[in-house]
N, C-alpha and C. Protein backbone atom coordinates (compact mmCIF):
# COMPACT_ATOMS: atom_id res chain seq x y z
N UNK A 1 -16.38 330.02 7.41
CA UNK A 1 -16.00 331.31 6.87
C UNK A 1 -14.61 331.72 7.37
N UNK A 2 -14.38 331.56 8.67
CA UNK A 2 -13.09 331.94 9.25
C UNK A 2 -11.96 331.06 8.71
N UNK A 3 -12.22 329.76 8.60
CA UNK A 3 -11.19 328.84 8.12
C UNK A 3 -10.84 329.17 6.67
N UNK A 4 -11.81 329.53 5.87
CA UNK A 4 -11.56 329.92 4.48
C UNK A 4 -10.67 331.15 4.39
N UNK A 5 -10.90 332.11 5.28
CA UNK A 5 -10.05 333.31 5.27
C UNK A 5 -8.63 332.98 5.68
N UNK A 6 -8.47 332.09 6.65
CA UNK A 6 -7.13 331.70 7.10
C UNK A 6 -6.40 330.98 5.98
N UNK A 7 -7.07 330.06 5.30
CA UNK A 7 -6.45 329.32 4.19
C UNK A 7 -6.05 330.28 3.08
N UNK A 8 -6.95 331.19 2.74
CA UNK A 8 -6.65 332.18 1.70
C UNK A 8 -5.47 333.06 2.09
N UNK A 9 -5.39 333.44 3.36
CA UNK A 9 -4.28 334.26 3.87
C UNK A 9 -2.94 333.55 3.64
N UNK A 10 -2.87 332.26 4.01
CA UNK A 10 -1.63 331.51 3.85
C UNK A 10 -1.31 331.26 2.38
N UNK A 11 -2.30 330.96 1.56
CA UNK A 11 -2.05 330.75 0.14
C UNK A 11 -1.50 332.01 -0.52
N UNK A 12 -2.07 333.15 -0.22
CA UNK A 12 -1.57 334.40 -0.78
C UNK A 12 -0.17 334.71 -0.28
N UNK A 13 0.10 334.38 0.96
CA UNK A 13 1.44 334.59 1.51
C UNK A 13 2.48 333.72 0.83
N UNK A 14 2.16 332.46 0.58
CA UNK A 14 3.11 331.57 -0.08
C UNK A 14 3.30 331.95 -1.55
N UNK A 15 2.28 332.45 -2.18
CA UNK A 15 2.42 332.87 -3.59
C UNK A 15 3.34 334.07 -3.73
N UNK A 16 3.33 334.97 -2.75
CA UNK A 16 4.13 336.19 -2.87
C UNK A 16 5.55 336.03 -2.33
N UNK A 17 5.90 334.86 -1.87
CA UNK A 17 7.26 334.64 -1.35
C UNK A 17 8.29 334.63 -2.46
N UNK A 18 9.48 335.14 -2.15
CA UNK A 18 10.60 335.01 -3.07
C UNK A 18 11.71 334.20 -2.39
N UNK A 19 12.25 334.72 -1.33
CA UNK A 19 13.29 334.02 -0.59
C UNK A 19 12.71 332.86 0.21
N UNK A 20 11.48 332.99 0.63
CA UNK A 20 10.83 331.96 1.44
C UNK A 20 10.71 330.63 0.73
N UNK A 21 10.48 330.64 -0.57
CA UNK A 21 10.37 329.38 -1.32
C UNK A 21 11.68 328.62 -1.28
N UNK A 22 12.79 329.34 -1.41
CA UNK A 22 14.10 328.70 -1.35
C UNK A 22 14.33 328.12 0.04
N UNK A 23 13.98 328.86 1.05
CA UNK A 23 14.16 328.37 2.42
C UNK A 23 13.30 327.15 2.70
N UNK A 24 12.05 327.15 2.22
CA UNK A 24 11.19 325.98 2.40
C UNK A 24 11.75 324.78 1.65
N UNK A 25 12.33 325.00 0.48
CA UNK A 25 12.93 323.90 -0.27
C UNK A 25 14.11 323.30 0.51
N UNK A 26 14.91 324.16 1.12
CA UNK A 26 16.03 323.68 1.93
C UNK A 26 15.53 322.91 3.14
N UNK A 27 14.49 323.41 3.79
CA UNK A 27 13.93 322.72 4.96
C UNK A 27 13.39 321.36 4.57
N UNK A 28 12.65 321.27 3.48
CA UNK A 28 12.10 319.99 3.04
C UNK A 28 13.20 319.01 2.64
N UNK A 29 14.26 319.50 2.01
CA UNK A 29 15.39 318.65 1.66
C UNK A 29 16.07 318.10 2.90
N UNK A 30 16.26 318.95 3.90
CA UNK A 30 16.88 318.50 5.15
C UNK A 30 16.01 317.47 5.87
N UNK A 31 14.70 317.67 5.88
CA UNK A 31 13.81 316.70 6.49
C UNK A 31 13.86 315.36 5.77
N UNK A 32 13.92 315.40 4.44
CA UNK A 32 14.03 314.17 3.67
C UNK A 32 15.32 313.44 4.02
N UNK A 33 16.41 314.17 4.10
CA UNK A 33 17.70 313.56 4.44
C UNK A 33 17.65 312.95 5.83
N UNK A 34 17.08 313.67 6.78
CA UNK A 34 17.05 313.16 8.16
C UNK A 34 16.20 311.91 8.28
N UNK A 35 15.03 311.91 7.68
CA UNK A 35 14.11 310.80 7.92
C UNK A 35 14.28 309.65 6.94
N UNK A 36 14.66 309.89 5.72
CA UNK A 36 14.76 308.81 4.74
C UNK A 36 16.16 308.22 4.67
N UNK A 37 17.14 309.08 4.47
CA UNK A 37 18.49 308.59 4.26
C UNK A 37 19.12 308.10 5.56
N UNK A 38 19.06 308.89 6.60
CA UNK A 38 19.68 308.48 7.86
C UNK A 38 19.01 307.26 8.46
N UNK A 39 17.71 307.16 8.32
CA UNK A 39 17.00 305.99 8.84
C UNK A 39 17.48 304.72 8.16
N UNK A 40 17.70 304.79 6.88
CA UNK A 40 18.12 303.61 6.13
C UNK A 40 19.51 303.14 6.55
N UNK A 41 20.40 304.07 6.91
CA UNK A 41 21.77 303.69 7.23
C UNK A 41 22.04 303.45 8.70
N UNK A 42 21.37 304.18 9.60
CA UNK A 42 21.73 304.13 11.01
C UNK A 42 20.73 303.40 11.89
N UNK A 43 19.57 303.08 11.39
CA UNK A 43 18.57 302.40 12.20
C UNK A 43 18.15 301.10 11.51
N UNK A 44 18.84 300.01 11.84
CA UNK A 44 18.50 298.74 11.18
C UNK A 44 17.13 298.25 11.62
N UNK A 45 16.52 297.45 10.78
CA UNK A 45 15.18 296.94 11.05
C UNK A 45 15.31 295.65 11.87
N UNK A 46 15.16 295.78 13.17
CA UNK A 46 15.24 294.62 14.05
C UNK A 46 13.94 293.82 14.03
N UNK A 47 12.84 294.48 13.83
CA UNK A 47 11.54 293.83 13.95
C UNK A 47 11.07 293.32 12.59
N UNK A 48 11.65 292.24 12.16
CA UNK A 48 11.22 291.60 10.93
C UNK A 48 10.76 290.19 11.25
N UNK A 49 9.85 289.69 10.49
CA UNK A 49 9.36 288.34 10.70
C UNK A 49 7.94 288.33 11.21
N UNK A 50 7.56 287.21 11.80
CA UNK A 50 6.19 287.06 12.29
C UNK A 50 6.03 287.69 13.67
N UNK A 51 4.82 287.65 14.20
CA UNK A 51 4.51 288.30 15.48
C UNK A 51 5.29 287.69 16.64
N UNK A 52 5.47 286.38 16.64
CA UNK A 52 6.19 285.72 17.74
C UNK A 52 7.64 286.17 17.79
N UNK A 53 8.26 286.32 16.64
CA UNK A 53 9.65 286.78 16.58
C UNK A 53 9.75 288.21 17.07
N UNK A 54 8.81 289.05 16.68
CA UNK A 54 8.81 290.44 17.13
C UNK A 54 8.64 290.52 18.64
N UNK A 55 7.72 289.74 19.18
CA UNK A 55 7.49 289.75 20.63
C UNK A 55 8.73 289.30 21.38
N UNK A 56 9.39 288.28 20.90
CA UNK A 56 10.60 287.78 21.54
C UNK A 56 11.71 288.82 21.50
N UNK A 57 11.88 289.48 20.37
CA UNK A 57 12.91 290.50 20.23
C UNK A 57 12.67 291.66 21.19
N UNK A 58 11.44 292.14 21.26
CA UNK A 58 11.13 293.26 22.14
C UNK A 58 11.30 292.86 23.59
N UNK A 59 10.84 291.69 23.97
CA UNK A 59 10.97 291.23 25.36
C UNK A 59 12.43 291.09 25.75
N UNK A 60 13.23 290.54 24.86
CA UNK A 60 14.67 290.37 25.15
C UNK A 60 15.35 291.72 25.31
N UNK A 61 15.06 292.66 24.43
CA UNK A 61 15.67 293.99 24.53
C UNK A 61 15.27 294.69 25.83
N UNK A 62 14.00 294.60 26.19
CA UNK A 62 13.54 295.26 27.42
C UNK A 62 14.18 294.65 28.66
N UNK A 63 14.24 293.34 28.71
CA UNK A 63 14.83 292.71 29.91
C UNK A 63 16.33 292.93 29.97
N UNK A 64 17.01 292.92 28.83
CA UNK A 64 18.46 293.18 28.83
C UNK A 64 18.76 294.61 29.27
N UNK A 65 17.99 295.55 28.80
CA UNK A 65 18.23 296.95 29.19
C UNK A 65 17.87 297.19 30.64
N UNK A 66 16.85 296.52 31.13
CA UNK A 66 16.49 296.68 32.54
C UNK A 66 17.57 296.06 33.44
N UNK A 67 18.19 294.97 32.99
CA UNK A 67 19.22 294.30 33.77
C UNK A 67 20.50 295.13 33.82
N UNK A 68 20.75 295.95 32.80
CA UNK A 68 21.94 296.79 32.76
C UNK A 68 21.90 297.92 33.79
N UNK A 69 20.72 298.34 34.15
CA UNK A 69 20.59 299.48 35.08
C UNK A 69 20.71 299.03 36.46
């Protein structure tokens, strides 16, 4: 019963928004840009291939970074 009232409260609040819908659209667009577009360009996929290749890559990165410190 309580959860239903909370859901109904938020649904009615979102329906009556005017400026809020625009702000939520901007927030969702920014999140899409951050996670989809930037990930594709700035974070290359190092872990490709089979399990042995992945294990070797991770082990090499960890030991190289530990040796730098």
